[in-house]
Amino acid sequence: MKITSTNIGQPTTFTWNGAEEQTGIFKYPVEEPLQLTRTDVKKDTIIDRVHHGGDNKACYLFSADYYPYWKEQYPTLAWDWGMFGENLTVTDLDEAKIRVGDVYRIGEALVQVSQPREPCYKLGVRFNDQHILKSFIQHAHPGTYVRVLEEGAVKKGDAVVLVQRSENTFTIKNFFELLYAKQKRSEMIQLALDNPAVPEYKKERFKKFL
């Protein structure tokens, strides 16, 4: 895996249900390196810190490989990297192979895979189409959030190098499918509960289905 683009956003105002709101999902490529900190990406915009940023969602990675698919779905948009609100656009990111708890070195930073992205209405705002939420879930390539274990700078062209493989086989794809499955398999829930890198609040959510 390698970084194709580093992206940050400025506050963007939009109208939702008759009220003005702001979002940081409108991210665009920057040439300078990004500084990954324990709770966010320095100089990036996070409006809603209840659902974004923090220890479990310090930085968001999305695959460059799926951009051609989405461009076909939305050919009239002004396309650039960062369209999905990701800080790092990465080649060869495969959610079916990346395990929750895997540790990677990216540039100067050391990160740990924590959880997939769950789309909200602000992705629909970014694409000017709320139907993308259902399409995004069906496509099942959500990218991944990471924890920052060691802060540091990352830049375009940096390799994403696996340092430590999680012994628990629960992948980001497993995680995403479990979140949205109408019938949740007990063995998959147990795999999630046994994975020390799965955020505790997610484990509490899964326990309700046992």
N, C-alpha and C. Protein backbone atom coordinates (compact mmCIF):
# COMPACT_ATOMS: atom_id res chain seq x y z
N MET A 1 0.85 -1.20 0.00
CA MET A 1 0.00 0.00 0.00
C MET A 1 0.88 1.24 0.00
N LYS A 2 0.39 2.28 -0.63
CA LYS A 2 1.14 3.52 -0.72
C LYS A 2 0.17 4.70 -0.75
N ILE A 3 0.60 5.83 -0.17
CA ILE A 3 -0.25 7.02 -0.13
C ILE A 3 -0.26 7.70 -1.48
N THR A 4 -1.46 7.81 -2.05
CA THR A 4 -1.66 8.51 -3.32
C THR A 4 -1.88 10.00 -3.09
N SER A 5 -2.58 10.33 -1.99
CA SER A 5 -2.90 11.73 -1.73
C SER A 5 -3.10 11.97 -0.24
N THR A 6 -2.66 13.12 0.23
CA THR A 6 -2.93 13.57 1.60
C THR A 6 -3.97 14.68 1.51
N ASN A 7 -5.01 14.60 2.35
CA ASN A 7 -6.17 15.50 2.18
C ASN A 7 -6.61 16.09 3.52
N ILE A 8 -6.93 17.36 3.51
CA ILE A 8 -7.54 18.00 4.67
C ILE A 8 -8.66 18.92 4.19
N GLY A 9 -9.52 19.33 5.13
CA GLY A 9 -10.67 20.15 4.76
C GLY A 9 -10.82 21.39 5.62
N GLN A 10 -11.54 22.35 5.10
CA GLN A 10 -11.93 23.55 5.83
C GLN A 10 -13.41 23.45 6.16
N PRO A 11 -13.88 24.17 7.17
CA PRO A 11 -15.31 24.12 7.51
C PRO A 11 -16.18 24.55 6.32
N THR A 12 -17.17 23.72 6.01
CA THR A 12 -18.09 24.02 4.92
C THR A 12 -19.51 24.07 5.47
N THR A 13 -20.22 25.15 5.16
CA THR A 13 -21.58 25.34 5.65
C THR A 13 -22.59 24.81 4.63
N PHE A 14 -23.61 24.11 5.12
CA PHE A 14 -24.67 23.62 4.26
C PHE A 14 -25.99 23.69 5.03
N THR A 15 -27.08 23.55 4.31
CA THR A 15 -28.41 23.59 4.93
C THR A 15 -28.97 22.18 4.99
N TRP A 16 -29.42 21.80 6.19
CA TRP A 16 -29.98 20.46 6.39
C TRP A 16 -31.27 20.59 7.21
N ASN A 17 -32.37 20.14 6.64
CA ASN A 17 -33.68 20.25 7.30
C ASN A 17 -33.98 21.66 7.77
N GLY A 18 -33.63 22.61 6.92
CA GLY A 18 -33.95 24.00 7.18
C GLY A 18 -33.00 24.73 8.11
N ALA A 19 -31.96 24.05 8.58
CA ALA A 19 -31.02 24.68 9.50
C ALA A 19 -29.61 24.63 8.92
N GLU A 20 -28.82 25.63 9.23
CA GLU A 20 -27.44 25.65 8.77
C GLU A 20 -26.56 24.76 9.64
N GLU A 21 -25.73 23.94 9.00
CA GLU A 21 -24.77 23.10 9.70
C GLU A 21 -23.41 23.26 9.05
N GLN A 22 -22.40 22.73 9.70
CA GLN A 22 -21.06 22.73 9.13
C GLN A 22 -20.51 21.32 9.10
N THR A 23 -19.58 21.09 8.19
CA THR A 23 -18.95 19.78 8.07
C THR A 23 -17.50 19.94 7.64
N GLY A 24 -16.72 18.93 7.95
CA GLY A 24 -15.33 18.89 7.50
C GLY A 24 -15.10 17.84 6.44
N ILE A 25 -16.18 17.28 5.87
CA ILE A 25 -16.04 16.17 4.91
C ILE A 25 -15.51 16.63 3.56
N PHE A 26 -15.59 17.93 3.28
CA PHE A 26 -15.09 18.43 2.00
C PHE A 26 -13.58 18.57 2.08
N LYS A 27 -12.88 17.48 1.84
CA LYS A 27 -11.42 17.48 1.92
C LYS A 27 -10.81 17.49 0.52
N TYR A 28 -9.65 18.13 0.43
CA TYR A 28 -8.96 18.26 -0.86
C TYR A 28 -7.48 18.00 -0.68
N PRO A 29 -6.80 17.58 -1.76
CA PRO A 29 -5.37 17.26 -1.66
C PRO A 29 -4.53 18.47 -1.27
N VAL A 30 -3.51 18.19 -0.48
CA VAL A 30 -2.50 19.20 -0.13
C VAL A 30 -1.13 18.59 -0.42
N GLU A 31 -0.18 19.43 -0.73
CA GLU A 31 1.17 18.95 -1.07
C GLU A 31 2.03 18.72 0.16
N GLU A 32 1.76 19.48 1.22
CA GLU A 32 2.61 19.34 2.41
C GLU A 32 2.26 18.08 3.19
N PRO A 33 3.21 17.53 3.95
CA PRO A 33 2.93 16.35 4.77
C PRO A 33 1.84 16.64 5.80
N LEU A 34 1.13 15.59 6.19
CA LEU A 34 0.15 15.70 7.27
C LEU A 34 0.77 15.22 8.57
N GLN A 35 0.43 15.91 9.64
CA GLN A 35 0.91 15.52 10.97
C GLN A 35 -0.19 14.74 11.66
N LEU A 36 0.04 13.45 11.88
CA LEU A 36 -0.93 12.60 12.57
C LEU A 36 -0.69 12.71 14.08
N THR A 37 -1.75 13.09 14.81
CA THR A 37 -1.66 13.17 16.26
C THR A 37 -2.55 12.09 16.87
N ARG A 38 -2.54 11.99 18.18
CA ARG A 38 -3.28 10.92 18.86
C ARG A 38 -4.80 10.99 18.61
N THR A 39 -5.31 12.18 18.38
CA THR A 39 -6.76 12.33 18.27
C THR A 39 -7.26 12.87 16.94
N ASP A 40 -6.35 13.32 16.07
CA ASP A 40 -6.78 13.86 14.78
C ASP A 40 -5.59 14.13 13.87
N VAL A 41 -5.89 14.71 12.72
CA VAL A 41 -4.85 15.15 11.80
C VAL A 41 -4.72 16.65 11.95
N LYS A 42 -3.53 17.10 12.27
CA LYS A 42 -3.30 18.52 12.53
C LYS A 42 -3.71 19.37 11.32
N LYS A 43 -4.37 20.47 11.58
CA LYS A 43 -4.86 21.44 10.59
C LYS A 43 -6.08 20.97 9.83
N ASP A 44 -6.56 19.75 10.10
CA ASP A 44 -7.78 19.28 9.48
C ASP A 44 -8.98 19.83 10.26
N THR A 45 -10.16 19.74 9.65
CA THR A 45 -11.38 20.23 10.28
C THR A 45 -12.22 19.06 10.77
N ILE A 46 -12.55 19.05 12.05
CA ILE A 46 -13.50 18.11 12.61
C ILE A 46 -14.56 18.92 13.34
N ILE A 47 -15.77 18.90 12.83
CA ILE A 47 -16.86 19.67 13.44
C ILE A 47 -17.51 18.86 14.56
N ASP A 48 -17.82 17.61 14.26
CA ASP A 48 -18.55 16.75 15.20
C ASP A 48 -17.57 15.78 15.86
N ARG A 49 -17.05 16.18 17.02
CA ARG A 49 -16.05 15.33 17.68
C ARG A 49 -16.68 14.20 18.50
N VAL A 50 -17.99 14.13 18.50
CA VAL A 50 -18.64 12.97 19.11
C VAL A 50 -18.48 11.76 18.19
N HIS A 51 -18.58 11.99 16.88
CA HIS A 51 -18.56 10.91 15.91
C HIS A 51 -17.30 10.86 15.06
N HIS A 52 -16.44 11.85 15.17
CA HIS A 52 -15.22 11.89 14.36
C HIS A 52 -14.04 12.30 15.22
N GLY A 53 -12.85 11.85 14.80
CA GLY A 53 -11.67 12.15 15.58
C GLY A 53 -11.63 11.32 16.85
N GLY A 54 -10.70 11.63 17.72
CA GLY A 54 -10.56 10.89 18.97
C GLY A 54 -9.63 9.69 18.81
N ASP A 55 -9.46 8.94 19.89
CA ASP A 55 -8.51 7.84 19.90
C ASP A 55 -8.78 6.79 18.82
N ASN A 56 -10.04 6.45 18.59
CA ASN A 56 -10.37 5.38 17.65
C ASN A 56 -10.54 5.83 16.21
N LYS A 57 -10.63 7.14 15.99
CA LYS A 57 -10.85 7.66 14.63
C LYS A 57 -9.93 8.84 14.35
N ALA A 58 -8.68 8.67 14.69
CA ALA A 58 -7.74 9.78 14.54
C ALA A 58 -7.48 10.13 13.08
N CYS A 59 -7.50 9.12 12.21
CA CYS A 59 -7.21 9.34 10.80
C CYS A 59 -7.99 8.32 9.98
N TYR A 60 -8.48 8.75 8.81
CA TYR A 60 -9.30 7.88 7.95
C TYR A 60 -8.59 7.61 6.64
N LEU A 61 -8.51 6.32 6.27
CA LEU A 61 -7.88 5.89 5.03
C LEU A 61 -8.95 5.29 4.10
N PHE A 62 -8.88 5.67 2.83
CA PHE A 62 -9.81 5.13 1.83
C PHE A 62 -9.01 4.74 0.59
N SER A 63 -9.48 3.70 -0.11
CA SER A 63 -8.72 3.16 -1.23
C SER A 63 -8.89 3.97 -2.51
N ALA A 64 -7.77 4.27 -3.15
CA ALA A 64 -7.80 4.92 -4.46
C ALA A 64 -8.34 3.97 -5.52
N ASP A 65 -8.28 2.67 -5.25
CA ASP A 65 -8.65 1.67 -6.25
C ASP A 65 -10.13 1.71 -6.61
N TYR A 66 -10.97 2.25 -5.72
CA TYR A 66 -12.41 2.26 -5.97
C TYR A 66 -12.92 3.58 -6.54
N TYR A 67 -12.03 4.51 -6.73
CA TYR A 67 -12.45 5.78 -7.33
C TYR A 67 -13.04 5.59 -8.74
N PRO A 68 -12.46 4.74 -9.60
CA PRO A 68 -13.08 4.55 -10.92
C PRO A 68 -14.52 4.05 -10.85
N TYR A 69 -14.81 3.16 -9.91
CA TYR A 69 -16.18 2.67 -9.73
C TYR A 69 -17.12 3.82 -9.40
N TRP A 70 -16.73 4.65 -8.44
CA TRP A 70 -17.62 5.73 -8.00
C TRP A 70 -17.71 6.84 -9.05
N LYS A 71 -16.66 7.03 -9.81
CA LYS A 71 -16.73 8.03 -10.89
C LYS A 71 -17.77 7.63 -11.93
N GLU A 72 -17.89 6.34 -12.16
CA GLU A 72 -18.92 5.87 -13.10
C GLU A 72 -20.32 6.12 -12.55
N GLN A 73 -20.48 6.02 -11.24
CA GLN A 73 -21.79 6.25 -10.62
C GLN A 73 -22.15 7.73 -10.60
N TYR A 74 -21.13 8.58 -10.47
CA TYR A 74 -21.36 10.03 -10.34
C TYR A 74 -20.44 10.79 -11.31
N PRO A 75 -20.69 10.66 -12.62
CA PRO A 75 -19.77 11.23 -13.61
C PRO A 75 -19.77 12.75 -13.68
N THR A 76 -20.79 13.39 -13.13
CA THR A 76 -20.89 14.86 -13.28
C THR A 76 -20.22 15.61 -12.14
N LEU A 77 -19.76 14.91 -11.12
CA LEU A 77 -19.12 15.58 -9.99
C LEU A 77 -17.72 16.06 -10.38
N ALA A 78 -17.25 17.08 -9.68
CA ALA A 78 -15.88 17.56 -9.88
C ALA A 78 -14.95 16.69 -9.03
N TRP A 79 -14.39 15.67 -9.64
CA TRP A 79 -13.66 14.65 -8.90
C TRP A 79 -12.24 15.08 -8.54
N ASP A 80 -11.86 14.73 -7.33
CA ASP A 80 -10.49 14.88 -6.86
C ASP A 80 -10.31 13.92 -5.70
N TRP A 81 -9.09 13.67 -5.28
CA TRP A 81 -8.87 12.85 -4.09
C TRP A 81 -9.46 13.53 -2.87
N GLY A 82 -9.87 12.74 -1.90
CA GLY A 82 -10.49 13.27 -0.69
C GLY A 82 -12.00 13.32 -0.75
N MET A 83 -12.59 12.80 -1.84
CA MET A 83 -14.04 12.89 -2.04
C MET A 83 -14.84 12.19 -0.94
N PHE A 84 -14.25 11.20 -0.32
CA PHE A 84 -14.98 10.44 0.71
C PHE A 84 -14.64 10.92 2.12
N GLY A 85 -13.95 12.05 2.19
CA GLY A 85 -13.60 12.61 3.48
C GLY A 85 -12.38 11.98 4.10
N GLU A 86 -11.64 11.22 3.27
CA GLU A 86 -10.45 10.56 3.81
C GLU A 86 -9.27 11.51 3.91
N ASN A 87 -8.48 11.31 4.95
CA ASN A 87 -7.24 12.06 5.10
C ASN A 87 -6.14 11.49 4.22
N LEU A 88 -6.15 10.15 4.08
CA LEU A 88 -5.14 9.48 3.27
C LEU A 88 -5.82 8.62 2.22
N THR A 89 -5.59 8.94 0.96
CA THR A 89 -6.03 8.08 -0.14
C THR A 89 -4.89 7.11 -0.42
N VAL A 90 -5.21 5.80 -0.38
CA VAL A 90 -4.16 4.77 -0.39
C VAL A 90 -4.44 3.75 -1.49
N THR A 91 -3.39 3.33 -2.20
CA THR A 91 -3.53 2.27 -3.19
C THR A 91 -3.52 0.90 -2.51
N ASP A 92 -4.21 -0.06 -3.13
CA ASP A 92 -4.17 -1.47 -2.71
C ASP A 92 -4.68 -1.71 -1.29
N LEU A 93 -5.57 -0.86 -0.83
CA LEU A 93 -6.18 -1.07 0.48
C LEU A 93 -7.31 -2.09 0.32
N ASP A 94 -7.17 -3.25 0.94
CA ASP A 94 -8.15 -4.32 0.82
C ASP A 94 -8.75 -4.64 2.18
N GLU A 95 -10.01 -4.23 2.38
CA GLU A 95 -10.66 -4.41 3.68
C GLU A 95 -10.81 -5.88 4.06
N ALA A 96 -10.80 -6.78 3.07
CA ALA A 96 -10.93 -8.21 3.35
C ALA A 96 -9.64 -8.81 3.88
N LYS A 97 -8.54 -8.10 3.72
CA LYS A 97 -7.24 -8.60 4.19
C LYS A 97 -6.74 -7.87 5.43
N ILE A 98 -7.22 -6.66 5.63
CA ILE A 98 -6.75 -5.86 6.77
C ILE A 98 -7.52 -6.26 8.03
N ARG A 99 -6.79 -6.70 9.04
CA ARG A 99 -7.41 -7.12 10.29
C ARG A 99 -7.48 -5.97 11.28
N VAL A 100 -8.56 -5.94 12.05
CA VAL A 100 -8.66 -4.97 13.14
C VAL A 100 -7.56 -5.30 14.15
N GLY A 101 -6.74 -4.32 14.44
CA GLY A 101 -5.60 -4.53 15.33
C GLY A 101 -4.27 -4.58 14.62
N ASP A 102 -4.28 -4.72 13.28
CA ASP A 102 -3.02 -4.66 12.53
C ASP A 102 -2.33 -3.32 12.79
N VAL A 103 -1.01 -3.36 12.88
CA VAL A 103 -0.22 -2.15 13.11
C VAL A 103 0.62 -1.86 11.87
N TYR A 104 0.57 -0.62 11.42
CA TYR A 104 1.29 -0.20 10.22
C TYR A 104 2.18 1.00 10.52
N ARG A 105 3.30 1.05 9.81
CA ARG A 105 4.15 2.25 9.80
C ARG A 105 3.82 3.02 8.53
N ILE A 106 3.45 4.30 8.71
CA ILE A 106 3.21 5.21 7.59
C ILE A 106 4.09 6.43 7.80
N GLY A 107 5.11 6.58 7.00
CA GLY A 107 6.02 7.69 7.21
C GLY A 107 6.61 7.62 8.61
N GLU A 108 6.47 8.71 9.36
CA GLU A 108 6.99 8.75 10.73
C GLU A 108 6.00 8.17 11.73
N ALA A 109 4.75 7.99 11.33
CA ALA A 109 3.70 7.60 12.27
C ALA A 109 3.55 6.08 12.35
N LEU A 110 3.11 5.62 13.52
CA LEU A 110 2.76 4.23 13.73
C LEU A 110 1.28 4.19 14.07
N VAL A 111 0.50 3.41 13.31
CA VAL A 111 -0.95 3.41 13.48
C VAL A 111 -1.48 2.00 13.63
N GLN A 112 -2.67 1.90 14.23
CA GLN A 112 -3.33 0.61 14.40
C GLN A 112 -4.74 0.68 13.82
N VAL A 113 -5.10 -0.32 13.05
CA VAL A 113 -6.44 -0.40 12.45
C VAL A 113 -7.48 -0.56 13.55
N SER A 114 -8.53 0.27 13.51
CA SER A 114 -9.51 0.27 14.60
C SER A 114 -10.94 -0.10 14.17
N GLN A 115 -11.43 0.48 13.07
CA GLN A 115 -12.82 0.23 12.69
C GLN A 115 -13.10 0.79 11.30
N PRO A 116 -14.14 0.26 10.63
CA PRO A 116 -14.50 0.79 9.31
C PRO A 116 -15.27 2.10 9.43
N ARG A 117 -15.37 2.79 8.33
CA ARG A 117 -16.18 4.00 8.28
C ARG A 117 -17.65 3.63 8.11
N GLU A 118 -18.52 4.25 8.87
CA GLU A 118 -19.96 4.10 8.73
C GLU A 118 -20.49 5.40 8.14
N PRO A 119 -21.10 5.34 6.96
CA PRO A 119 -21.50 6.57 6.29
C PRO A 119 -22.69 7.25 6.97
N CYS A 120 -22.66 8.57 6.99
CA CYS A 120 -23.78 9.34 7.53
C CYS A 120 -24.27 10.31 6.46
N TYR A 121 -25.27 11.09 6.78
CA TYR A 121 -25.90 11.98 5.81
C TYR A 121 -24.94 13.00 5.21
N LYS A 122 -23.82 13.26 5.89
CA LYS A 122 -22.87 14.24 5.37
C LYS A 122 -22.12 13.72 4.15
N LEU A 123 -22.01 12.40 4.03
CA LEU A 123 -21.48 11.85 2.78
C LEU A 123 -22.46 12.14 1.65
N GLY A 124 -23.76 12.05 1.93
CA GLY A 124 -24.78 12.40 0.95
C GLY A 124 -24.72 13.87 0.56
N VAL A 125 -24.40 14.71 1.54
CA VAL A 125 -24.23 16.14 1.26
C VAL A 125 -23.04 16.35 0.33
N ARG A 126 -21.96 15.63 0.61
CA ARG A 126 -20.75 15.76 -0.23
C ARG A 126 -21.03 15.36 -1.67
N PHE A 127 -21.85 14.32 -1.87
CA PHE A 127 -22.15 13.82 -3.20
C PHE A 127 -23.45 14.40 -3.77
N ASN A 128 -24.10 15.25 -2.98
CA ASN A 128 -25.38 15.84 -3.39
C ASN A 128 -26.40 14.76 -3.71
N ASP A 129 -26.35 13.66 -2.94
CA ASP A 129 -27.25 12.54 -3.18
C ASP A 129 -27.27 11.63 -1.95
N GLN A 130 -28.36 11.64 -1.21
CA GLN A 130 -28.44 10.81 0.00
C GLN A 130 -28.53 9.32 -0.32
N HIS A 131 -28.83 8.97 -1.56
CA HIS A 131 -28.89 7.55 -1.94
C HIS A 131 -27.52 6.89 -1.89
N ILE A 132 -26.46 7.70 -1.86
CA ILE A 132 -25.13 7.11 -1.83
C ILE A 132 -24.88 6.32 -0.54
N LEU A 133 -25.61 6.65 0.52
CA LEU A 133 -25.40 5.91 1.77
C LEU A 133 -25.71 4.43 1.58
N LYS A 134 -26.84 4.13 0.95
CA LYS A 134 -27.21 2.74 0.70
C LYS A 134 -26.22 2.09 -0.27
N SER A 135 -25.82 2.83 -1.29
CA SER A 135 -24.87 2.31 -2.28
C SER A 135 -23.52 2.03 -1.65
N PHE A 136 -23.09 2.91 -0.76
CA PHE A 136 -21.81 2.78 -0.08
C PHE A 136 -21.81 1.52 0.79
N ILE A 137 -22.91 1.28 1.49
CA ILE A 137 -23.02 0.09 2.33
C ILE A 137 -23.03 -1.17 1.48
N GLN A 138 -23.75 -1.16 0.37
CA GLN A 138 -23.81 -2.32 -0.50
C GLN A 138 -22.47 -2.60 -1.17
N HIS A 139 -21.74 -1.56 -1.51
CA HIS A 139 -20.43 -1.73 -2.15
C HIS A 139 -19.44 -2.39 -1.21
N ALA A 140 -19.57 -2.11 0.08
CA ALA A 140 -18.81 -2.80 1.14
C ALA A 140 -17.30 -2.62 1.05
N HIS A 141 -16.88 -1.42 0.65
CA HIS A 141 -15.47 -1.06 0.70
C HIS A 141 -15.36 0.28 1.42
N PRO A 142 -15.47 0.25 2.77
CA PRO A 142 -15.63 1.49 3.52
C PRO A 142 -14.34 2.21 3.88
N GLY A 143 -13.18 1.59 3.61
CA GLY A 143 -11.96 2.16 4.14
C GLY A 143 -11.85 1.89 5.63
N THR A 144 -10.85 2.46 6.26
CA THR A 144 -10.66 2.18 7.68
C THR A 144 -10.15 3.39 8.46
N TYR A 145 -10.61 3.47 9.69
CA TYR A 145 -10.03 4.42 10.64
C TYR A 145 -8.84 3.75 11.33
N VAL A 146 -7.93 4.58 11.82
CA VAL A 146 -6.79 4.07 12.58
C VAL A 146 -6.58 4.88 13.85
N ARG A 147 -6.03 4.19 14.85
CA ARG A 147 -5.48 4.87 16.02
C ARG A 147 -4.05 5.29 15.70
N VAL A 148 -3.60 6.35 16.33
CA VAL A 148 -2.22 6.78 16.16
C VAL A 148 -1.44 6.38 17.42
N LEU A 149 -0.57 5.40 17.27
CA LEU A 149 0.24 4.92 18.39
C LEU A 149 1.49 5.76 18.59
N GLU A 150 2.05 6.22 17.47
CA GLU A 150 3.20 7.13 17.51
C GLU A 150 2.91 8.26 16.54
N GLU A 151 2.89 9.48 17.03
CA GLU A 151 2.60 10.64 16.19
C GLU A 151 3.74 10.88 15.21
N GLY A 152 3.39 11.48 14.07
CA GLY A 152 4.43 11.79 13.09
C GLY A 152 3.86 12.27 11.78
N ALA A 153 4.75 12.68 10.91
CA ALA A 153 4.37 13.23 9.61
C ALA A 153 4.27 12.11 8.57
N VAL A 154 3.27 12.24 7.69
CA VAL A 154 3.12 11.33 6.55
C VAL A 154 2.96 12.18 5.30
N LYS A 155 3.41 11.65 4.17
CA LYS A 155 3.35 12.44 2.94
C LYS A 155 3.00 11.55 1.76
N LYS A 156 2.61 12.18 0.67
CA LYS A 156 2.29 11.46 -0.56
C LYS A 156 3.49 10.65 -0.99
N GLY A 157 3.23 9.39 -1.36
CA GLY A 157 4.31 8.51 -1.77
C GLY A 157 4.82 7.60 -0.68
N ASP A 158 4.49 7.91 0.57
CA ASP A 158 4.93 7.05 1.68
C ASP A 158 4.28 5.68 1.57
N ALA A 159 5.04 4.64 1.87
CA ALA A 159 4.50 3.29 1.91
C ALA A 159 3.75 3.07 3.22
N VAL A 160 2.73 2.20 3.16
CA VAL A 160 1.98 1.78 4.34
C VAL A 160 2.46 0.36 4.63
N VAL A 161 3.32 0.21 5.63
CA VAL A 161 4.05 -1.04 5.85
C VAL A 161 3.52 -1.76 7.08
N LEU A 162 3.13 -3.01 6.90
CA LEU A 162 2.65 -3.82 8.02
C LEU A 162 3.80 -4.11 8.97
N VAL A 163 3.60 -3.76 10.25
CA VAL A 163 4.61 -3.97 11.29
C VAL A 163 4.24 -5.16 12.17
N GLN A 164 2.96 -5.25 12.49
CA GLN A 164 2.49 -6.34 13.36
C GLN A 164 1.11 -6.79 12.92
N ARG A 165 0.98 -8.08 12.66
CA ARG A 165 -0.28 -8.67 12.23
C ARG A 165 -1.09 -9.09 13.45
N SER A 166 -2.36 -8.72 13.48
CA SER A 166 -3.22 -9.13 14.58
C SER A 166 -3.42 -10.64 14.54
N GLU A 167 -3.37 -11.28 15.70
CA GLU A 167 -3.60 -12.72 15.78
C GLU A 167 -5.09 -13.04 15.63
N ASN A 168 -5.93 -12.08 15.92
CA ASN A 168 -7.37 -12.23 15.74
C ASN A 168 -7.72 -11.95 14.28
N THR A 169 -8.47 -12.85 13.64
CA THR A 169 -8.70 -12.78 12.20
C THR A 169 -9.85 -11.87 11.77
N PHE A 170 -10.44 -11.13 12.68
CA PHE A 170 -11.55 -10.23 12.40
C PHE A 170 -11.08 -9.09 11.51
N THR A 171 -11.57 -9.05 10.26
CA THR A 171 -11.12 -8.05 9.31
C THR A 171 -12.04 -6.82 9.30
N ILE A 172 -11.58 -5.78 8.63
CA ILE A 172 -12.41 -4.59 8.46
C ILE A 172 -13.66 -4.94 7.66
N LYS A 173 -13.56 -5.80 6.68
CA LYS A 173 -14.73 -6.24 5.91
C LYS A 173 -15.71 -7.00 6.81
N ASN A 174 -15.19 -7.92 7.66
CA ASN A 174 -16.04 -8.61 8.63
C ASN A 174 -16.77 -7.62 9.52
N PHE A 175 -16.05 -6.63 10.00
CA PHE A 175 -16.58 -5.61 10.91
C PHE A 175 -17.72 -4.85 10.23
N PHE A 176 -17.47 -4.41 9.01
CA PHE A 176 -18.46 -3.62 8.28
C PHE A 176 -19.72 -4.44 8.01
N GLU A 177 -19.53 -5.67 7.57
CA GLU A 177 -20.68 -6.53 7.28
C GLU A 177 -21.47 -6.85 8.55
N LEU A 178 -20.77 -7.04 9.65
CA LEU A 178 -21.44 -7.32 10.92
C LEU A 178 -22.29 -6.13 11.37
N LEU A 179 -21.79 -4.94 11.16
CA LEU A 179 -22.53 -3.73 11.54
C LEU A 179 -23.89 -3.65 10.85
N TYR A 180 -23.94 -4.07 9.58
CA TYR A 180 -25.15 -3.86 8.78
C TYR A 180 -25.94 -5.14 8.51
N ALA A 181 -25.46 -6.28 8.97
CA ALA A 181 -26.18 -7.54 8.74
C ALA A 181 -27.47 -7.56 9.55
N LYS A 182 -28.57 -7.94 8.89
CA LYS A 182 -29.84 -8.06 9.61
C LYS A 182 -29.80 -9.24 10.57
N GLN A 183 -29.20 -10.32 10.13
CA GLN A 183 -29.00 -11.48 10.99
C GLN A 183 -27.51 -11.59 11.30
N LYS A 184 -27.15 -11.29 12.53
CA LYS A 184 -25.74 -11.26 12.90
C LYS A 184 -25.30 -12.62 13.44
N ARG A 185 -24.28 -13.18 12.83
CA ARG A 185 -23.78 -14.49 13.21
C ARG A 185 -23.08 -14.42 14.55
N SER A 186 -23.45 -15.32 15.46
CA SER A 186 -22.89 -15.29 16.82
C SER A 186 -21.39 -15.52 16.83
N GLU A 187 -20.89 -16.38 15.92
CA GLU A 187 -19.45 -16.64 15.90
C GLU A 187 -18.67 -15.41 15.45
N MET A 188 -19.29 -14.59 14.56
CA MET A 188 -18.62 -13.37 14.12
C MET A 188 -18.66 -12.31 15.23
N ILE A 189 -19.75 -12.26 15.94
CA ILE A 189 -19.83 -11.35 17.09
C ILE A 189 -18.78 -11.72 18.12
N GLN A 190 -18.62 -13.00 18.39
CA GLN A 190 -17.64 -13.44 19.37
C GLN A 190 -16.22 -13.11 18.93
N LEU A 191 -15.97 -13.22 17.62
CA LEU A 191 -14.65 -12.86 17.10
C LEU A 191 -14.37 -11.37 17.35
N ALA A 192 -15.41 -10.56 17.16
CA ALA A 192 -15.26 -9.12 17.43
C ALA A 192 -15.01 -8.86 18.91
N LEU A 193 -15.75 -9.55 19.77
CA LEU A 193 -15.61 -9.35 21.21
C LEU A 193 -14.25 -9.79 21.71
N ASP A 194 -13.66 -10.79 21.05
CA ASP A 194 -12.36 -11.31 21.47
C ASP A 194 -11.19 -10.49 20.93
N ASN A 195 -11.48 -9.54 20.06
CA ASN A 195 -10.42 -8.72 19.47
C ASN A 195 -10.17 -7.50 20.35
N PRO A 196 -9.00 -7.39 20.95
CA PRO A 196 -8.74 -6.27 21.86
C PRO A 196 -8.71 -4.90 21.20
N ALA A 197 -8.60 -4.86 19.87
CA ALA A 197 -8.52 -3.58 19.17
C ALA A 197 -9.89 -3.04 18.77
N VAL A 198 -10.93 -3.84 18.86
CA VAL A 198 -12.28 -3.34 18.57
C VAL A 198 -12.69 -2.38 19.67
N PRO A 199 -13.12 -1.17 19.33
CA PRO A 199 -13.51 -0.19 20.35
C PRO A 199 -14.57 -0.75 21.29
N GLU A 200 -14.47 -0.42 22.56
CA GLU A 200 -15.36 -0.97 23.58
C GLU A 200 -16.82 -0.61 23.31
N TYR A 201 -17.09 0.59 22.83
CA TYR A 201 -18.48 0.96 22.60
C TYR A 201 -19.10 0.15 21.47
N LYS A 202 -18.28 -0.32 20.54
CA LYS A 202 -18.78 -1.22 19.50
C LYS A 202 -19.06 -2.60 20.08
N LYS A 203 -18.20 -3.04 20.97
CA LYS A 203 -18.43 -4.34 21.60
C LYS A 203 -19.74 -4.35 22.38
N GLU A 204 -20.03 -3.26 23.07
CA GLU A 204 -21.29 -3.17 23.82
C GLU A 204 -22.49 -3.26 22.88
N ARG A 205 -22.35 -2.68 21.71
CA ARG A 205 -23.42 -2.74 20.71
C ARG A 205 -23.61 -4.18 20.23
N PHE A 206 -22.52 -4.89 19.99
CA PHE A 206 -22.61 -6.26 19.49
C PHE A 206 -23.15 -7.23 20.54
N LYS A 207 -22.82 -6.97 21.81
CA LYS A 207 -23.27 -7.89 22.87
C LYS A 207 -24.79 -8.02 22.93
N LYS A 208 -25.48 -6.99 22.50
CA LYS A 208 -26.93 -6.99 22.54
C LYS A 208 -27.54 -8.03 21.62
N PHE A 209 -26.74 -8.50 20.65
CA PHE A 209 -27.26 -9.46 19.66
C PHE A 209 -26.93 -10.90 20.01
N LEU A 210 -26.21 -11.12 21.10
CA LEU A 210 -25.89 -12.48 21.50
C LEU A 210 -27.08 -13.15 22.16
